[in-house]
Amino acid sequence: MTDFDEALGVFGTVATERADRGQGRRLDSEWARMQRERDAAVQSERARLVKDETMQVPDHE
């Protein structure tokens, strides 16, 4: 193997590792966004349920 081939191999390895880290950050970012959306939906549903409970008129028989 020539020095040039070795240099290309090292460059390819470094480029692949950087791409993997970038992909990991993108996936982490996507996961965090999905968690925020889920948390917002849960909070909204809880608020709706509390509102529904407080607006119910008790039955007087």
PDB file of N, CA and C in Angstrom:
ATOM      1  N   MET A   1       0.857  -1.171   0.000  1.00  0.00           N
ATOM      2  CA  MET A   1       0.000   0.000   0.000  1.00  0.00           C
ATOM      3  C   MET A   1       0.903   1.234   0.000  1.00  0.00           C
ATOM      4  N   THR A   2       0.557   2.172  -0.816  1.00  0.00           N
ATOM      5  CA  THR A   2       1.350   3.403  -0.887  1.00  0.00           C
ATOM      6  C   THR A   2       0.891   4.371   0.187  1.00  0.00           C
ATOM      7  N   ASP A   3       1.694   5.385   0.424  1.00  0.00           N
ATOM      8  CA  ASP A   3       1.318   6.428   1.379  1.00  0.00           C
ATOM      9  C   ASP A   3       0.010   7.104   0.953  1.00  0.00           C
ATOM     10  N   PHE A   4      -0.165   7.248  -0.364  1.00  0.00           N
ATOM     11  CA  PHE A   4      -1.385   7.867  -0.884  1.00  0.00           C
ATOM     12  C   PHE A   4      -2.618   7.017  -0.532  1.00  0.00           C
ATOM     13  N   ASP A   5      -2.517   5.686  -0.734  1.00  0.00           N
ATOM     14  CA  ASP A   5      -3.627   4.787  -0.400  1.00  0.00           C
ATOM     15  C   ASP A   5      -3.932   4.833   1.095  1.00  0.00           C
ATOM     16  N   GLU A   6      -2.860   4.864   1.882  1.00  0.00           N
ATOM     17  CA  GLU A   6      -3.044   4.926   3.333  1.00  0.00           C
ATOM     18  C   GLU A   6      -3.732   6.227   3.730  1.00  0.00           C
ATOM     19  N   ALA A   7      -3.321   7.325   3.124  1.00  0.00           N
ATOM     20  CA  ALA A   7      -3.933   8.626   3.416  1.00  0.00           C
ATOM     21  C   ALA A   7      -5.408   8.622   3.026  1.00  0.00           C
ATOM     22  N   LEU A   8      -5.726   8.026   1.891  1.00  0.00           N
ATOM     23  CA  LEU A   8      -7.136   7.938   1.483  1.00  0.00           C
ATOM     24  C   LEU A   8      -7.936   7.107   2.480  1.00  0.00           C
ATOM     25  N   GLY A   9      -7.358   6.025   2.961  1.00  0.00           N
ATOM     26  CA  GLY A   9      -8.035   5.185   3.950  1.00  0.00           C
ATOM     27  C   GLY A   9      -8.329   5.939   5.232  1.00  0.00           C
ATOM     28  N   VAL A  10      -7.344   6.690   5.707  1.00  0.00           N
ATOM     29  CA  VAL A  10      -7.528   7.489   6.924  1.00  0.00           C
ATOM     30  C   VAL A  10      -8.592   8.550   6.687  1.00  0.00           C
ATOM     31  N   PHE A  11      -8.524   9.228   5.536  1.00  0.00           N
ATOM     32  CA  PHE A  11      -9.519  10.254   5.226  1.00  0.00           C
ATOM     33  C   PHE A  11     -10.916   9.647   5.178  1.00  0.00           C
ATOM     34  N   GLY A  12     -11.043   8.469   4.549  1.00  0.00           N
ATOM     35  CA  GLY A  12     -12.351   7.809   4.463  1.00  0.00           C
ATOM     36  C   GLY A  12     -12.890   7.452   5.830  1.00  0.00           C
ATOM     37  N   THR A  13     -12.010   6.975   6.712  1.00  0.00           N
ATOM     38  CA  THR A  13     -12.423   6.608   8.072  1.00  0.00           C
ATOM     39  C   THR A  13     -12.884   7.843   8.841  1.00  0.00           C
ATOM     40  N   VAL A  14     -12.114   8.917   8.757  1.00  0.00           N
ATOM     41  CA  VAL A  14     -12.468  10.159   9.453  1.00  0.00           C
ATOM     42  C   VAL A  14     -13.785  10.708   8.900  1.00  0.00           C
ATOM     43  N   ALA A  15     -13.937  10.708   7.580  1.00  0.00           N
ATOM     44  CA  ALA A  15     -15.165  11.214   6.962  1.00  0.00           C
ATOM     45  C   ALA A  15     -16.365  10.381   7.398  1.00  0.00           C
ATOM     46  N   THR A  16     -16.195   9.060   7.471  1.00  0.00           N
ATOM     47  CA  THR A  16     -17.289   8.184   7.891  1.00  0.00           C
ATOM     48  C   THR A  16     -17.661   8.441   9.348  1.00  0.00           C
ATOM     49  N   GLU A  17     -16.644   8.582  10.210  1.00  0.00           N
ATOM     50  CA  GLU A  17     -16.919   8.857  11.622  1.00  0.00           C
ATOM     51  C   GLU A  17     -17.638  10.190  11.786  1.00  0.00           C
ATOM     52  N   ARG A  18     -17.221  11.186  11.043  1.00  0.00           N
ATOM     53  CA  ARG A  18     -17.885  12.497  11.122  1.00  0.00           C
ATOM     54  C   ARG A  18     -19.323  12.397  10.630  1.00  0.00           C
ATOM     55  N   ALA A  19     -19.538  11.656   9.568  1.00  0.00           N
ATOM     56  CA  ALA A  19     -20.899  11.485   9.045  1.00  0.00           C
ATOM     57  C   ALA A  19     -21.760  10.753  10.057  1.00  0.00           C
ATOM     58  N   ASP A  20     -21.201   9.735  10.725  1.00  0.00           N
ATOM     59  CA  ASP A  20     -21.959   8.996  11.737  1.00  0.00           C
ATOM     60  C   ASP A  20     -22.336   9.906  12.894  1.00  0.00           C
ATOM     61  N   ARG A  21     -21.399  10.737  13.333  1.00  0.00           N
ATOM     62  CA  ARG A  21     -21.702  11.662  14.432  1.00  0.00           C
ATOM     63  C   ARG A  21     -22.769  12.653  14.006  1.00  0.00           C
ATOM     64  N   GLY A  22     -22.671  13.145  12.774  1.00  0.00           N
ATOM     65  CA  GLY A  22     -23.673  14.077  12.264  1.00  0.00           C
ATOM     66  C   GLY A  22     -25.044  13.430  12.203  1.00  0.00           C
ATOM     67  N   GLN A  23     -25.077  12.189  11.749  1.00  0.00           N
ATOM     68  CA  GLN A  23     -26.345  11.452  11.687  1.00  0.00           C
ATOM     69  C   GLN A  23     -26.899  11.261  13.098  1.00  0.00           C
ATOM     70  N   GLY A  24     -26.016  10.952  14.040  1.00  0.00           N
ATOM     71  CA  GLY A  24     -26.450  10.781  15.423  1.00  0.00           C
ATOM     72  C   GLY A  24     -27.047  12.053  15.987  1.00  0.00           C
ATOM     73  N   ARG A  25     -26.398  13.186  15.697  1.00  0.00           N
ATOM     74  CA  ARG A  25     -26.937  14.474  16.180  1.00  0.00           C
ATOM     75  C   ARG A  25     -28.287  14.757  15.551  1.00  0.00           C
ATOM     76  N   ARG A  26     -28.419  14.439  14.254  1.00  0.00           N
ATOM     77  CA  ARG A  26     -29.691  14.690  13.582  1.00  0.00           C
ATOM     78  C   ARG A  26     -30.781  13.821  14.196  1.00  0.00           C
ATOM     79  N   LEU A  27     -30.462  12.559  14.472  1.00  0.00           N
ATOM     80  CA  LEU A  27     -31.447  11.667  15.073  1.00  0.00           C
ATOM     81  C   LEU A  27     -31.789  12.109  16.486  1.00  0.00           C
ATOM     82  N   ASP A  28     -30.777  12.553  17.252  1.00  0.00           N
ATOM     83  CA  ASP A  28     -31.040  13.067  18.600  1.00  0.00           C
ATOM     84  C   ASP A  28     -31.949  14.282  18.535  1.00  0.00           C
ATOM     85  N   SER A  29     -31.702  15.147  17.566  1.00  0.00           N
ATOM     86  CA  SER A  29     -32.515  16.346  17.392  1.00  0.00           C
ATOM     87  C   SER A  29     -33.950  15.966  17.025  1.00  0.00           C
ATOM     88  N   GLU A  30     -34.091  15.006  16.131  1.00  0.00           N
ATOM     89  CA  GLU A  30     -35.416  14.535  15.722  1.00  0.00           C
ATOM     90  C   GLU A  30     -36.149  13.914  16.914  1.00  0.00           C
ATOM     91  N   TRP A  31     -35.435  13.124  17.706  1.00  0.00           N
ATOM     92  CA  TRP A  31     -36.026  12.483  18.887  1.00  0.00           C
ATOM     93  C   TRP A  31     -36.480  13.547  19.889  1.00  0.00           C
ATOM     94  N   ALA A  32     -35.654  14.548  20.116  1.00  0.00           N
ATOM     95  CA  ALA A  32     -36.006  15.624  21.043  1.00  0.00           C
ATOM     96  C   ALA A  32     -37.237  16.367  20.552  1.00  0.00           C
ATOM     97  N   ARG A  33     -37.326  16.616  19.240  1.00  0.00           N
ATOM     98  CA  ARG A  33     -38.503  17.301  18.685  1.00  0.00           C
ATOM     99  C   ARG A  33     -39.760  16.468  18.904  1.00  0.00           C
ATOM    100  N   MET A  34     -39.658  15.165  18.663  1.00  0.00           N
ATOM    101  CA  MET A  34     -40.811  14.285  18.855  1.00  0.00           C
ATOM    102  C   MET A  34     -41.225  14.248  20.333  1.00  0.00           C
ATOM    103  N   GLN A  35     -40.247  14.243  21.240  1.00  0.00           N
ATOM    104  CA  GLN A  35     -40.555  14.255  22.672  1.00  0.00           C
ATOM    105  C   GLN A  35     -41.274  15.553  23.049  1.00  0.00           C
ATOM    106  N   ARG A  36     -40.796  16.694  22.523  1.00  0.00           N
ATOM    107  CA  ARG A  36     -41.452  17.976  22.826  1.00  0.00           C
ATOM    108  C   ARG A  36     -42.887  17.990  22.312  1.00  0.00           C
ATOM    109  N   GLU A  37     -43.095  17.479  21.094  1.00  0.00           N
ATOM    110  CA  GLU A  37     -44.451  17.427  20.535  1.00  0.00           C
ATOM    111  C   GLU A  37     -45.351  16.528  21.374  1.00  0.00           C
ATOM    112  N   ARG A  38     -44.823  15.383  21.798  1.00  0.00           N
ATOM    113  CA  ARG A  38     -45.606  14.457  22.614  1.00  0.00           C
ATOM    114  C   ARG A  38     -45.943  15.109  23.955  1.00  0.00           C
ATOM    115  N   ASP A  39     -44.941  15.748  24.578  1.00  0.00           N
ATOM    116  CA  ASP A  39     -45.181  16.397  25.863  1.00  0.00           C
ATOM    117  C   ASP A  39     -46.226  17.503  25.738  1.00  0.00           C
ATOM    118  N   ALA A  40     -46.169  18.264  24.648  1.00  0.00           N
ATOM    119  CA  ALA A  40     -47.150  19.329  24.431  1.00  0.00           C
ATOM    120  C   ALA A  40     -48.547  18.739  24.234  1.00  0.00           C
ATOM    121  N   ALA A  41     -48.634  17.628  23.512  1.00  0.00           N
ATOM    122  CA  ALA A  41     -49.930  16.989  23.293  1.00  0.00           C
ATOM    123  C   ALA A  41     -50.496  16.447  24.608  1.00  0.00           C
ATOM    124  N   VAL A  42     -49.654  15.861  25.431  1.00  0.00           N
ATOM    125  CA  VAL A  42     -50.101  15.340  26.729  1.00  0.00           C
ATOM    126  C   VAL A  42     -50.593  16.488  27.600  1.00  0.00           C
ATOM    127  N   GLN A  43     -49.825  17.575  27.638  1.00  0.00           N
ATOM    128  CA  GLN A  43     -50.219  18.728  28.446  1.00  0.00           C
ATOM    129  C   GLN A  43     -51.551  19.302  27.959  1.00  0.00           C
ATOM    130  N   SER A  44     -51.720  19.391  26.657  1.00  0.00           N
ATOM    131  CA  SER A  44     -52.954  19.912  26.086  1.00  0.00           C
ATOM    132  C   SER A  44     -54.136  19.014  26.448  1.00  0.00           C
ATOM    133  N   GLU A  45     -53.939  17.702  26.357  1.00  0.00           N
ATOM    134  CA  GLU A  45     -55.010  16.759  26.697  1.00  0.00           C
ATOM    135  C   GLU A  45     -55.356  16.841  28.181  1.00  0.00           C
ATOM    136  N   ARG A  46     -54.342  16.970  29.024  1.00  0.00           N
ATOM    137  CA  ARG A  46     -54.616  17.107  30.465  1.00  0.00           C
ATOM    138  C   ARG A  46     -55.431  18.360  30.743  1.00  0.00           C
ATOM    139  N   ALA A  47     -55.055  19.469  30.105  1.00  0.00           N
ATOM    140  CA  ALA A  47     -55.772  20.735  30.296  1.00  0.00           C
ATOM    141  C   ALA A  47     -57.218  20.590  29.828  1.00  0.00           C
ATOM    142  N   ARG A  48     -57.425  19.887  28.712  1.00  0.00           N
ATOM    143  CA  ARG A  48     -58.783  19.687  28.206  1.00  0.00           C
ATOM    144  C   ARG A  48     -59.598  18.850  29.182  1.00  0.00           C
ATOM    145  N   LEU A  49     -59.013  17.802  29.729  1.00  0.00           N
ATOM    146  CA  LEU A  49     -59.734  16.942  30.673  1.00  0.00           C
ATOM    147  C   LEU A  49     -60.092  17.694  31.954  1.00  0.00           C
ATOM    148  N   VAL A  50     -59.166  18.505  32.447  1.00  0.00           N
ATOM    149  CA  VAL A  50     -59.449  19.301  33.645  1.00  0.00           C
ATOM    150  C   VAL A  50     -60.577  20.279  33.358  1.00  0.00           C
ATOM    151  N   LYS A  51     -60.537  20.904  32.197  1.00  0.00           N
ATOM    152  CA  LYS A  51     -61.588  21.853  31.814  1.00  0.00           C
ATOM    153  C   LYS A  51     -62.934  21.132  31.722  1.00  0.00           C
ATOM    154  N   ASP A  52     -62.948  19.947  31.100  1.00  0.00           N
ATOM    155  CA  ASP A  52     -64.185  19.170  30.987  1.00  0.00           C
ATOM    156  C   ASP A  52     -64.734  18.810  32.361  1.00  0.00           C
ATOM    157  N   GLU A  53     -63.863  18.428  33.285  1.00  0.00           N
ATOM    158  CA  GLU A  53     -64.313  18.043  34.628  1.00  0.00           C
ATOM    159  C   GLU A  53     -64.889  19.228  35.385  1.00  0.00           C
ATOM    160  N   THR A  54     -64.287  20.387  35.241  1.00  0.00           N
ATOM    161  CA  THR A  54     -64.753  21.557  35.988  1.00  0.00           C
ATOM    162  C   THR A  54     -66.002  22.159  35.378  1.00  0.00           C
ATOM    163  N   MET A  55     -66.301  21.863  34.120  1.00  0.00           N
ATOM    164  CA  MET A  55     -67.466  22.450  33.468  1.00  0.00           C
ATOM    165  C   MET A  55     -68.699  21.557  33.575  1.00  0.00           C
ATOM    166  N   GLN A  56     -68.555  20.357  34.101  1.00  0.00           N
ATOM    167  CA  GLN A  56     -69.709  19.476  34.204  1.00  0.00           C
ATOM    168  C   GLN A  56     -70.640  19.974  35.313  1.00  0.00           C
ATOM    169  N   VAL A  57     -71.909  19.929  35.017  1.00  0.00           N
ATOM    170  CA  VAL A  57     -72.909  20.341  35.992  1.00  0.00           C
ATOM    171  C   VAL A  57     -73.337  19.095  36.773  1.00  0.00           C
ATOM    172  N   PRO A  58     -73.243  19.144  38.084  1.00  0.00           N
ATOM    173  CA  PRO A  58     -73.643  17.970  38.866  1.00  0.00           C
ATOM    174  C   PRO A  58     -75.146  17.721  38.745  1.00  0.00           C
ATOM    175  N   ASP A  59     -75.496  16.444  38.765  1.00  0.00           N
ATOM    176  CA  ASP A  59     -76.912  16.066  38.702  1.00  0.00           C
ATOM    177  C   ASP A  59     -77.540  16.239  40.087  1.00  0.00           C
ATOM    178  N   HIS A  60     -78.679  16.944  40.130  1.00  0.00           N
ATOM    179  CA  HIS A  60     -79.428  17.098  41.396  1.00  0.00           C
ATOM    180  C   HIS A  60     -80.717  16.329  41.251  1.00  0.00           C
ATOM    181  N   GLU A  61     -80.787  15.251  41.975  1.00  0.00           N
ATOM    182  CA  GLU A  61     -82.022  14.445  41.884  1.00  0.00           C
ATOM    183  C   GLU A  61     -82.805  14.487  43.145  1.00  0.00           C
TER     184      GLU A  61
END
